[in-house]
N, C-alpha and C. Protein backbone atom coordinates (compact mmCIF):
# COMPACT_ATOMS: atom_id res chain seq x y z
N UNK A 1 32.34 59.65 -17.60
CA UNK A 1 31.71 59.00 -16.48
C UNK A 1 31.09 57.67 -16.88
N UNK A 2 30.41 57.70 -18.05
CA UNK A 2 29.80 56.46 -18.53
C UNK A 2 30.85 55.39 -18.77
N UNK A 3 31.99 55.81 -19.30
CA UNK A 3 33.08 54.86 -19.55
C UNK A 3 33.58 54.25 -18.26
N UNK A 4 33.64 55.05 -17.20
CA UNK A 4 34.11 54.55 -15.91
C UNK A 4 33.10 53.54 -15.34
N UNK A 5 31.81 53.85 -15.44
CA UNK A 5 30.77 52.95 -14.94
C UNK A 5 30.80 51.64 -15.73
N UNK A 6 30.92 51.77 -17.03
CA UNK A 6 31.00 50.59 -17.88
C UNK A 6 32.23 49.76 -17.53
N UNK A 7 33.35 50.43 -17.29
CA UNK A 7 34.57 49.72 -16.92
C UNK A 7 34.43 49.00 -15.60
N UNK A 8 33.75 49.62 -14.64
CA UNK A 8 33.52 48.98 -13.34
C UNK A 8 32.60 47.77 -13.51
N UNK A 9 31.57 47.91 -14.33
CA UNK A 9 30.66 46.79 -14.58
C UNK A 9 31.39 45.62 -15.23
N UNK A 10 32.22 45.91 -16.21
CA UNK A 10 32.99 44.86 -16.88
C UNK A 10 33.91 44.17 -15.89
N UNK A 11 34.58 44.94 -15.04
CA UNK A 11 35.47 44.36 -14.04
C UNK A 11 34.69 43.50 -13.06
N UNK A 12 33.50 43.98 -12.66
CA UNK A 12 32.67 43.23 -11.72
C UNK A 12 32.23 41.91 -12.33
N UNK A 13 31.75 41.95 -13.56
CA UNK A 13 31.32 40.72 -14.23
C UNK A 13 32.49 39.77 -14.46
N UNK A 14 33.63 40.30 -14.77
CA UNK A 14 34.82 39.47 -14.95
C UNK A 14 35.19 38.78 -13.65
N UNK A 15 35.13 39.50 -12.54
CA UNK A 15 35.44 38.92 -11.23
C UNK A 15 34.43 37.85 -10.86
N UNK A 16 33.16 38.10 -11.12
CA UNK A 16 32.11 37.11 -10.81
C UNK A 16 32.32 35.86 -11.66
N UNK A 17 32.58 36.04 -12.95
CA UNK A 17 32.81 34.89 -13.84
C UNK A 17 34.04 34.11 -13.41
N UNK A 18 35.09 34.80 -13.05
CA UNK A 18 36.32 34.12 -12.62
C UNK A 18 36.08 33.33 -11.34
N UNK A 19 35.33 33.91 -10.42
CA UNK A 19 35.00 33.21 -9.18
C UNK A 19 34.15 31.99 -9.43
N UNK A 20 33.19 32.09 -10.35
CA UNK A 20 32.34 30.97 -10.70
C UNK A 20 33.17 29.86 -11.34
N UNK A 21 34.07 30.21 -12.24
CA UNK A 21 34.93 29.21 -12.88
C UNK A 21 35.86 28.56 -11.88
N UNK A 22 36.37 29.34 -10.95
CA UNK A 22 37.27 28.77 -9.93
C UNK A 22 36.52 27.78 -9.06
N UNK A 23 35.28 28.10 -8.71
CA UNK A 23 34.48 27.18 -7.91
C UNK A 23 34.17 25.91 -8.70
N UNK A 24 33.84 26.03 -9.96
CA UNK A 24 33.52 24.88 -10.79
C UNK A 24 34.74 23.98 -10.96
N UNK A 25 35.90 24.56 -11.04
CA UNK A 25 37.11 23.78 -11.25
C UNK A 25 37.48 22.94 -10.04
N UNK A 26 37.03 23.31 -8.85
CA UNK A 26 37.42 22.59 -7.64
C UNK A 26 36.45 21.48 -7.27
N UNK A 27 35.34 21.35 -7.97
CA UNK A 27 34.36 20.32 -7.65
C UNK A 27 34.82 18.97 -8.20
N UNK A 28 34.57 17.94 -7.44
CA UNK A 28 34.90 16.59 -7.87
C UNK A 28 33.65 15.72 -7.78
N UNK A 29 33.71 14.60 -8.47
CA UNK A 29 32.59 13.68 -8.45
C UNK A 29 33.14 12.26 -8.41
N UNK A 30 32.62 11.46 -7.53
CA UNK A 30 33.05 10.07 -7.40
C UNK A 30 32.00 9.18 -8.05
N UNK A 31 32.37 8.48 -9.09
CA UNK A 31 31.45 7.56 -9.76
C UNK A 31 31.48 6.21 -9.08
N UNK A 32 30.37 5.50 -9.08
CA UNK A 32 30.38 4.16 -8.48
C UNK A 32 31.21 3.21 -9.33
N UNK A 33 31.72 2.18 -8.70
CA UNK A 33 32.51 1.18 -9.42
C UNK A 33 31.61 0.47 -10.43
N UNK A 34 32.15 0.13 -11.56
CA UNK A 34 31.40 -0.57 -12.60
C UNK A 34 31.45 -2.06 -12.30
N UNK A 35 30.34 -2.61 -11.90
CA UNK A 35 30.29 -4.03 -11.53
C UNK A 35 30.14 -4.94 -12.75
N UNK A 36 29.60 -4.41 -13.84
CA UNK A 36 29.37 -5.24 -15.02
C UNK A 36 30.67 -5.44 -15.80
N UNK A 37 30.90 -6.65 -16.21
CA UNK A 37 32.06 -6.99 -17.03
C UNK A 37 31.57 -7.83 -18.21
N UNK A 38 32.33 -7.82 -19.29
CA UNK A 38 32.01 -8.70 -20.40
C UNK A 38 32.18 -10.14 -19.96
N UNK A 39 31.32 -11.01 -20.46
CA UNK A 39 31.45 -12.43 -20.13
C UNK A 39 32.74 -12.95 -20.74
N UNK A 40 33.53 -13.61 -19.92
CA UNK A 40 34.82 -14.13 -20.38
C UNK A 40 34.64 -15.15 -21.49
N UNK A 41 35.59 -15.16 -22.40
CA UNK A 41 35.54 -16.05 -23.55
C UNK A 41 36.94 -16.23 -24.11
N UNK A 42 37.15 -17.32 -24.79
CA UNK A 42 38.41 -17.56 -25.48
C UNK A 42 38.42 -16.93 -26.87
N UNK A 43 37.27 -16.42 -27.29
CA UNK A 43 37.18 -15.78 -28.61
C UNK A 43 38.04 -14.51 -28.63
N UNK A 44 38.75 -14.28 -29.73
CA UNK A 44 39.59 -13.08 -29.83
C UNK A 44 38.81 -11.78 -29.65
N UNK A 45 37.56 -11.79 -30.05
CA UNK A 45 36.74 -10.60 -29.94
C UNK A 45 36.48 -10.18 -28.50
N UNK A 46 36.58 -11.13 -27.56
CA UNK A 46 36.39 -10.79 -26.15
C UNK A 46 37.41 -9.76 -25.70
N UNK A 47 38.66 -10.02 -26.00
CA UNK A 47 39.73 -9.11 -25.59
C UNK A 47 39.63 -7.78 -26.33
N UNK A 48 39.21 -7.84 -27.59
CA UNK A 48 39.07 -6.61 -28.38
C UNK A 48 37.87 -5.78 -27.92
N UNK A 49 36.81 -6.45 -27.51
CA UNK A 49 35.64 -5.73 -26.98
C UNK A 49 36.02 -5.04 -25.67
N UNK A 50 36.74 -5.75 -24.82
CA UNK A 50 37.17 -5.14 -23.56
C UNK A 50 38.07 -3.93 -23.81
N UNK A 51 38.96 -4.06 -24.77
CA UNK A 51 39.91 -2.97 -25.05
C UNK A 51 39.26 -1.79 -25.76
N UNK A 52 38.27 -2.03 -26.59
CA UNK A 52 37.69 -0.97 -27.40
C UNK A 52 36.34 -0.46 -26.92
N UNK A 53 35.44 -1.36 -26.61
CA UNK A 53 34.06 -0.95 -26.29
C UNK A 53 33.96 -0.28 -24.93
N UNK A 54 34.71 -0.76 -23.97
CA UNK A 54 34.59 -0.24 -22.61
C UNK A 54 35.29 1.10 -22.42
N UNK A 55 35.91 1.62 -23.47
CA UNK A 55 36.46 2.97 -23.36
C UNK A 55 35.35 4.01 -23.40
N UNK A 56 34.18 3.62 -23.94
CA UNK A 56 33.06 4.57 -24.05
C UNK A 56 31.88 4.22 -23.15
N UNK A 57 31.65 2.95 -22.91
CA UNK A 57 30.50 2.55 -22.10
C UNK A 57 30.81 1.28 -21.34
N UNK A 58 29.99 1.02 -20.35
CA UNK A 58 30.21 -0.18 -19.53
C UNK A 58 29.70 -1.41 -20.27
N UNK A 59 30.05 -2.55 -19.75
CA UNK A 59 29.58 -3.81 -20.32
C UNK A 59 28.08 -3.97 -20.10
N UNK A 60 27.56 -3.24 -19.15
CA UNK A 60 26.11 -3.30 -18.86
C UNK A 60 25.29 -2.92 -20.10
N UNK A 61 25.82 -2.02 -20.91
CA UNK A 61 25.11 -1.59 -22.12
C UNK A 61 24.82 -2.78 -23.02
N UNK A 62 25.74 -3.71 -23.11
CA UNK A 62 25.58 -4.88 -23.98
C UNK A 62 24.45 -5.77 -23.46
N UNK A 63 24.29 -5.84 -22.17
CA UNK A 63 23.25 -6.68 -21.58
C UNK A 63 21.85 -6.16 -21.85
N UNK A 64 21.73 -4.89 -22.25
CA UNK A 64 20.43 -4.32 -22.56
C UNK A 64 19.98 -4.64 -23.98
N UNK A 65 20.84 -5.24 -24.77
CA UNK A 65 20.50 -5.56 -26.16
C UNK A 65 19.65 -6.83 -26.19
N UNK A 66 18.84 -6.99 -27.24
CA UNK A 66 17.96 -8.17 -27.31
C UNK A 66 18.75 -9.47 -27.34
N UNK A 67 18.43 -10.42 -26.48
CA UNK A 67 19.17 -11.69 -26.45
C UNK A 67 18.95 -12.54 -27.70
N UNK A 68 17.98 -12.20 -28.50
CA UNK A 68 17.73 -12.94 -29.74
C UNK A 68 18.33 -12.24 -30.96
N UNK A 69 19.14 -11.21 -30.71
CA UNK A 69 19.70 -10.42 -31.81
C UNK A 69 20.59 -11.27 -32.72
N UNK A 70 20.38 -11.10 -34.00
CA UNK A 70 21.15 -11.83 -35.01
C UNK A 70 22.49 -11.13 -35.27
N UNK A 71 23.34 -11.81 -36.02
CA UNK A 71 24.65 -11.27 -36.38
C UNK A 71 24.52 -9.89 -37.05
N UNK A 72 23.53 -9.74 -37.92
CA UNK A 72 23.36 -8.46 -38.63
C UNK A 72 23.09 -7.32 -37.65
N UNK A 73 22.36 -7.59 -36.58
CA UNK A 73 22.08 -6.58 -35.56
C UNK A 73 23.38 -6.16 -34.87
N UNK A 74 24.18 -7.13 -34.46
CA UNK A 74 25.42 -6.83 -33.75
C UNK A 74 26.41 -6.11 -34.66
N UNK A 75 26.46 -6.53 -35.92
CA UNK A 75 27.38 -5.86 -36.85
C UNK A 75 26.95 -4.40 -37.06
N UNK A 76 25.66 -4.19 -37.23
CA UNK A 76 25.16 -2.82 -37.41
C UNK A 76 25.45 -1.98 -36.16
N UNK A 77 25.32 -2.59 -35.00
CA UNK A 77 25.58 -1.87 -33.75
C UNK A 77 27.04 -1.47 -33.63
N UNK A 78 27.93 -2.40 -33.91
CA UNK A 78 29.37 -2.10 -33.83
C UNK A 78 29.75 -1.05 -34.86
N UNK A 79 29.23 -1.18 -36.06
CA UNK A 79 29.54 -0.19 -37.10
C UNK A 79 28.98 1.19 -36.75
N UNK A 80 27.79 1.23 -36.13
CA UNK A 80 27.21 2.51 -35.70
C UNK A 80 28.09 3.14 -34.61
N UNK A 81 28.55 2.33 -33.67
CA UNK A 81 29.43 2.85 -32.61
C UNK A 81 30.70 3.45 -33.23
N UNK A 82 31.20 2.78 -34.24
CA UNK A 82 32.43 3.23 -34.91
C UNK A 82 32.18 4.50 -35.72
N UNK A 83 31.12 4.52 -36.51
CA UNK A 83 30.85 5.63 -37.43
C UNK A 83 30.26 6.85 -36.72
N UNK A 84 29.28 6.63 -35.87
CA UNK A 84 28.55 7.74 -35.26
C UNK A 84 29.23 8.25 -34.00
N UNK A 85 29.70 7.32 -33.16
CA UNK A 85 30.27 7.71 -31.87
C UNK A 85 31.79 7.67 -31.84
N UNK A 86 32.41 7.43 -32.99
CA UNK A 86 33.87 7.39 -33.12
C UNK A 86 34.53 6.39 -32.18
N UNK A 87 33.91 5.23 -32.03
CA UNK A 87 34.51 4.18 -31.20
C UNK A 87 35.88 3.82 -31.79
N UNK A 88 36.86 3.60 -30.93
CA UNK A 88 38.24 3.34 -31.40
C UNK A 88 38.44 1.91 -31.89
N UNK A 89 37.56 1.45 -32.78
CA UNK A 89 37.61 0.07 -33.28
C UNK A 89 38.26 0.06 -34.66
N UNK A 90 39.31 -0.72 -34.79
CA UNK A 90 39.95 -0.87 -36.10
C UNK A 90 39.03 -1.70 -36.99
N UNK A 91 38.98 -1.36 -38.26
CA UNK A 91 38.13 -2.10 -39.21
C UNK A 91 38.46 -3.60 -39.18
N UNK A 92 39.72 -3.94 -39.04
CA UNK A 92 40.15 -5.35 -39.02
C UNK A 92 39.60 -6.09 -37.79
N UNK A 93 39.20 -5.38 -36.76
CA UNK A 93 38.70 -6.01 -35.53
C UNK A 93 37.19 -6.15 -35.47
N UNK A 94 36.48 -5.51 -36.37
CA UNK A 94 35.02 -5.49 -36.33
C UNK A 94 34.45 -6.91 -36.34
N UNK A 95 34.88 -7.76 -37.26
CA UNK A 95 34.30 -9.10 -37.37
C UNK A 95 34.53 -9.94 -36.12
N UNK A 96 35.71 -9.82 -35.50
CA UNK A 96 35.98 -10.60 -34.29
C UNK A 96 35.14 -10.10 -33.12
N UNK A 97 34.95 -8.80 -33.02
CA UNK A 97 34.11 -8.25 -31.96
C UNK A 97 32.66 -8.69 -32.17
N UNK A 98 32.18 -8.59 -33.39
CA UNK A 98 30.82 -9.01 -33.71
C UNK A 98 30.64 -10.49 -33.41
N UNK A 99 31.62 -11.30 -33.78
CA UNK A 99 31.55 -12.74 -33.53
C UNK A 99 31.41 -13.02 -32.03
N UNK A 100 32.22 -12.35 -31.23
CA UNK A 100 32.14 -12.52 -29.77
C UNK A 100 30.76 -12.09 -29.25
N UNK A 101 30.30 -10.92 -29.69
CA UNK A 101 29.02 -10.39 -29.18
C UNK A 101 27.85 -11.28 -29.55
N UNK A 102 27.78 -11.72 -30.78
CA UNK A 102 26.63 -12.53 -31.20
C UNK A 102 26.67 -13.92 -30.57
N UNK A 103 27.86 -14.48 -30.36
CA UNK A 103 27.93 -15.82 -29.75
C UNK A 103 27.75 -15.76 -28.24
N UNK A 104 28.06 -14.63 -27.64
CA UNK A 104 27.95 -14.52 -26.18
C UNK A 104 26.63 -13.89 -25.75
N UNK A 105 26.16 -12.90 -26.48
CA UNK A 105 24.96 -12.18 -26.08
C UNK A 105 23.81 -12.28 -27.08
N UNK A 106 24.07 -12.82 -28.25
CA UNK A 106 23.05 -12.92 -29.29
C UNK A 106 22.51 -14.33 -29.41
N UNK A 107 22.08 -14.67 -30.61
CA UNK A 107 21.41 -15.97 -30.77
C UNK A 107 22.25 -17.05 -31.41
N UNK A 108 23.53 -16.84 -31.59
CA UNK A 108 24.38 -17.91 -32.15
C UNK A 108 24.99 -18.73 -31.05
């Protein structure tokens, strides 16, 4: 008898969990359009920043950085994004991205 009760409880919990998962799978969310864009530039790093940085965050994130930030700050930031957050930045592209960021948003 205990086995039957336990079996019914397991079936009940399985049905509840399946129903909860089915409901969760049908929910959708509409995100607002991203109005922020990187400032256009002829620097090669502009195109690389658009291709690499915006896969993880909006360009708005860059605007929150200190406008007086030196090259060392931007390089550390790009390297942290690459090392800690696995940003898809090729090592060969780091200097061009940093150059674009510091000349467009930093103090150079």
